[in-house]
Amino acid sequence: MELQLRSYVPFLPLRNAGVRYDPSMGKTRTLVASTLAIGPTTFTWGARTYIMGVINTSPDSFSGDGLRTADEAIAQARRFVDEGADILDVGGQSTRPGANKSKAGFDELSPGEEIRRVVPVIERIRAELPETAISVDTYKPAVAQAALDAGAHMLNDIEGFRRTPELARIAAAARVPVVIMHNERLATAQRGHPGADVVAGIRNGLEASLRIADDAGLLREQLIIDPGFGFGWKPEQNIEMLRRLRELDDLALPILIGTSRKSTIGAVLGNAGVDERLWGTAASVALSIANGADIVRVHDVAAMKQVALVADAIVRGWPPEDAR
């Protein structure tokens, strides 16, 4: 059998802020801004992969790690920071499908109950871990405003402003960054579209979110995009999303990926349970980084920090300038 040789483009260390090396196309990619301040931390895109640790204050979280008290949440927050988390993402609304699910695809909490869950945790993290960036995972304007008032530094909107454009105005007024996610559940009541172009769907959703942000006066350099792994897509479509992640490069915004413990990982592993998805998650995190992810949102910080360090050594160059 004749040996087929492919052209080789070496991985080079990234030393120019805002520029990310793309080994698949042999060229650099420039973002709209080289850095982003999230609370006390300045994130330099391209220097390394950043870790977002999930703090679930919802007892019915799909991932099985829901916390019932502020004391439990702050203990987990401290552990995550010690393990290498750069951002703590506090959420009180489970997106797990439920018996009384709404149009959003899950049982929705009232804003008051969600505020009751997240605000005390945010206040304590801000007081006890003042050097840590805090994000709040919500799409409800009242919760977002209460969380910002309590000390959150960033919003993480799984609806990408498309359900509640007011969230964009709140972020613009507060001058805080936002993660805008494409949520395919907004486009269809069923999971995925047979034969749909996954990346085209993601792009259309994100471009709609960006128009809302522009109308609200929210600066592009304040935005991070999330293609929405696990939100309305079938498992094979979620896998395709990661494979084709580079096709979102021309949006010129940093990318967050959240594959941690999700059902697609379980499906690939033969219907593995939530507590059996660590190594599958690790594979998805490593390949997401190779395909351009800047932030990974995870439940298992210590393990995924190691994955990110090795992936960065390969993709971004080693030793890195900042390998905290």
Foldseek 3Di string as FASTA:
>chain_A
DDDDDDDFDAFDADDDFQWAAARVVGDIFGFPDRWDDQQLDIGGFLQFAAEEAEQECACPAQLNPHDPDLVVRVVVVVVLVVLHHQEYEYWHFHQPADPPDDLQRHDDDDLVVRLVRGLVNLLVCCVPVVNHAYEYEDQDPVSVVSSVVSPHREYEYQQLCPVPLVNLLVCQVVVGAYEGEQACSVVDVAQADVPDDLVVSLVVRNVVSVVSNVVSVHDPQSYEYEHNQPHRHDLVSSVVCLVCVLVCSVVSHAYEYEPELHQSQCVVVPNDHSVPRPVSVLVSLLSSVSSGHRYYYYNPNNVNLVSRCVSCCRNNNPPGPDSD
